[in-house]
Amino acid sequence: MAKDIIDFSSDDDVYLEMLEELAKNIDINEAKKEGIIQGREEGISEGSKKEKNDIARNMIKDNVPIDVISRYTSLSIEEIQNIK
């Protein structure tokens, strides 16, 4: 694409304009990639939290002591008490 820009334009203003547009598109694509990565990380984190809560809920139903639930799920005692 850069070769096309150089071949296409002998006018410096047009050349600079095309380079600016190319740079803008690269910035937008990078921002999209970062957004996708961030969204995936948040989704994984939320899924992990939900799974821990589900496990804790099942352990509560089986009358497992809260301190044991906390140790196995890494949830705080307060978080476990809020599940009840």
C-alpha atoms as a PDB file:
ATOM      1  CA  MET A   1       0.000   0.000   0.000  1.00  0.00           C
ATOM      2  CA  ALA A   2       2.825   2.408   0.822  1.00  0.00           C
ATOM      3  CA  LYS A   3       4.299   1.749  -2.639  1.00  0.00           C
ATOM      4  CA  ASP A   4       0.904   2.596  -4.163  1.00  0.00           C
ATOM      5  CA  ILE A   5       0.877   5.875  -2.267  1.00  0.00           C
ATOM      6  CA  ILE A   6       4.329   6.774  -3.485  1.00  0.00           C
ATOM      7  CA  ASP A   7       3.561   5.740  -7.074  1.00  0.00           C
ATOM      8  CA  PHE A   8       0.191   7.449  -7.068  1.00  0.00           C
ATOM      9  CA  SER A   9       1.222  10.802  -5.699  1.00  0.00           C
ATOM     10  CA  SER A  10       3.832  13.166  -6.916  1.00  0.00           C
ATOM     11  CA  ASP A  11       2.172  16.013  -5.049  1.00  0.00           C
ATOM     12  CA  ASP A  12       3.535  16.343  -1.477  1.00  0.00           C
ATOM     13  CA  ASP A  13       0.214  17.548  -0.061  1.00  0.00           C
ATOM     14  CA  VAL A  14      -1.692  14.580  -1.453  1.00  0.00           C
ATOM     15  CA  TYR A  15       1.066  12.242  -0.289  1.00  0.00           C
ATOM     16  CA  LEU A  16       0.939  13.631   3.259  1.00  0.00           C
ATOM     17  CA  GLU A  17      -2.846  13.484   3.285  1.00  0.00           C
ATOM     18  CA  MET A  18      -2.775   9.825   2.272  1.00  0.00           C
ATOM     19  CA  LEU A  19      -0.158   9.001   4.901  1.00  0.00           C
ATOM     20  CA  GLU A  20      -2.263  10.711   7.582  1.00  0.00           C
ATOM     21  CA  GLU A  21      -5.302   8.673   6.531  1.00  0.00           C
ATOM     22  CA  LEU A  22      -3.244   5.484   6.627  1.00  0.00           C
ATOM     23  CA  ALA A  23      -1.945   6.345  10.111  1.00  0.00           C
ATOM     24  CA  LYS A  24      -5.487   7.081  11.307  1.00  0.00           C
ATOM     25  CA  ASN A  25      -6.670   3.668  10.082  1.00  0.00           C
ATOM     26  CA  ILE A  26      -3.780   1.944  11.846  1.00  0.00           C
ATOM     27  CA  ASP A  27      -4.647   3.767  15.098  1.00  0.00           C
ATOM     28  CA  ILE A  28      -8.305   2.728  14.786  1.00  0.00           C
ATOM     29  CA  ASN A  29      -7.350  -0.901  14.177  1.00  0.00           C
ATOM     30  CA  GLU A  30      -5.022  -0.894  17.193  1.00  0.00           C
ATOM     31  CA  ALA A  31      -7.778   0.607  19.351  1.00  0.00           C
ATOM     32  CA  LYS A  32     -10.189  -2.097  18.174  1.00  0.00           C
ATOM     33  CA  LYS A  33      -7.656  -4.822  19.010  1.00  0.00           C
ATOM     34  CA  GLU A  34      -7.101  -3.343  22.471  1.00  0.00           C
ATOM     35  CA  GLY A  35     -10.857  -3.177  23.033  1.00  0.00           C
ATOM     36  CA  ILE A  36     -11.310  -6.795  22.015  1.00  0.00           C
ATOM     37  CA  ILE A  37      -8.485  -7.923  24.299  1.00  0.00           C
ATOM     38  CA  GLN A  38      -9.881  -5.908  27.205  1.00  0.00           C
ATOM     39  CA  GLY A  39     -13.371  -7.308  26.603  1.00  0.00           C
ATOM     40  CA  ARG A  40     -12.066 -10.861  26.600  1.00  0.00           C
ATOM     41  CA  GLU A  41     -10.142 -10.295  29.819  1.00  0.00           C
ATOM     42  CA  GLU A  42     -13.231  -8.838  31.501  1.00  0.00           C
ATOM     43  CA  GLY A  43     -15.354 -11.741  30.261  1.00  0.00           C
ATOM     44  CA  ILE A  44     -12.898 -14.294  31.584  1.00  0.00           C
ATOM     45  CA  SER A  45     -12.754 -12.505  34.930  1.00  0.00           C
ATOM     46  CA  GLU A  46     -16.556 -12.357  35.209  1.00  0.00           C
ATOM     47  CA  GLY A  47     -16.857 -16.024  34.241  1.00  0.00           C
ATOM     48  CA  SER A  48     -14.314 -17.022  36.857  1.00  0.00           C
ATOM     49  CA  LYS A  49     -16.118 -15.010  39.527  1.00  0.00           C
ATOM     50  CA  LYS A  50     -19.465 -16.590  38.587  1.00  0.00           C
ATOM     51  CA  GLU A  51     -17.955 -20.064  38.722  1.00  0.00           C
ATOM     52  CA  LYS A  52     -16.497 -19.403  42.190  1.00  0.00           C
ATOM     53  CA  ASN A  53     -19.870 -18.130  43.378  1.00  0.00           C
ATOM     54  CA  ASP A  54     -21.644 -21.206  41.981  1.00  0.00           C
ATOM     55  CA  ILE A  55     -19.157 -23.517  43.699  1.00  0.00           C
ATOM     56  CA  ALA A  56     -19.532 -21.623  46.975  1.00  0.00           C
ATOM     57  CA  ARG A  57     -23.335 -21.763  46.679  1.00  0.00           C
ATOM     58  CA  ASN A  58     -23.194 -25.555  46.265  1.00  0.00           C
ATOM     59  CA  MET A  59     -20.794 -25.893  49.191  1.00  0.00           C
ATOM     60  CA  ILE A  60     -23.131 -23.796  51.354  1.00  0.00           C
ATOM     61  CA  LYS A  61     -26.002 -26.147  50.433  1.00  0.00           C
ATOM     62  CA  ASP A  62     -23.809 -29.047  51.599  1.00  0.00           C
ATOM     63  CA  ASN A  63     -23.193 -27.235  54.914  1.00  0.00           C
ATOM     64  CA  VAL A  64     -19.460 -26.830  54.333  1.00  0.00           C
ATOM     65  CA  PRO A  65     -17.995 -24.341  56.860  1.00  0.00           C
ATOM     66  CA  ILE A  66     -17.482 -20.831  55.457  1.00  0.00           C
ATOM     67  CA  ASP A  67     -13.762 -20.804  56.220  1.00  0.00           C
ATOM     68  CA  VAL A  68     -13.311 -23.975  54.151  1.00  0.00           C
ATOM     69  CA  ILE A  69     -15.345 -22.495  51.296  1.00  0.00           C
ATOM     70  CA  SER A  70     -13.170 -19.397  51.432  1.00  0.00           C
ATOM     71  CA  ARG A  71      -9.995 -21.458  51.298  1.00  0.00           C
ATOM     72  CA  TYR A  72     -11.127 -23.474  48.256  1.00  0.00           C
ATOM     73  CA  THR A  73     -12.760 -20.661  46.279  1.00  0.00           C
ATOM     74  CA  SER A  74     -10.501 -17.728  47.254  1.00  0.00           C
ATOM     75  CA  LEU A  75     -13.647 -15.746  48.057  1.00  0.00           C
ATOM     76  CA  SER A  76     -13.669 -13.634  51.185  1.00  0.00           C
ATOM     77  CA  ILE A  77     -15.918 -14.637  54.053  1.00  0.00           C
ATOM     78  CA  GLU A  78     -17.971 -11.495  53.406  1.00  0.00           C
ATOM     79  CA  GLU A  79     -18.439 -12.457  49.749  1.00  0.00           C
ATOM     80  CA  ILE A  80     -19.576 -15.934  50.789  1.00  0.00           C
ATOM     81  CA  GLN A  81     -22.004 -14.540  53.349  1.00  0.00           C
ATOM     82  CA  ASN A  82     -23.516 -12.337  50.628  1.00  0.00           C
ATOM     83  CA  ILE A  83     -24.170 -15.445  48.513  1.00  0.00           C
ATOM     84  CA  LYS A  84     -26.379 -17.032  51.161  1.00  0.00           C
END
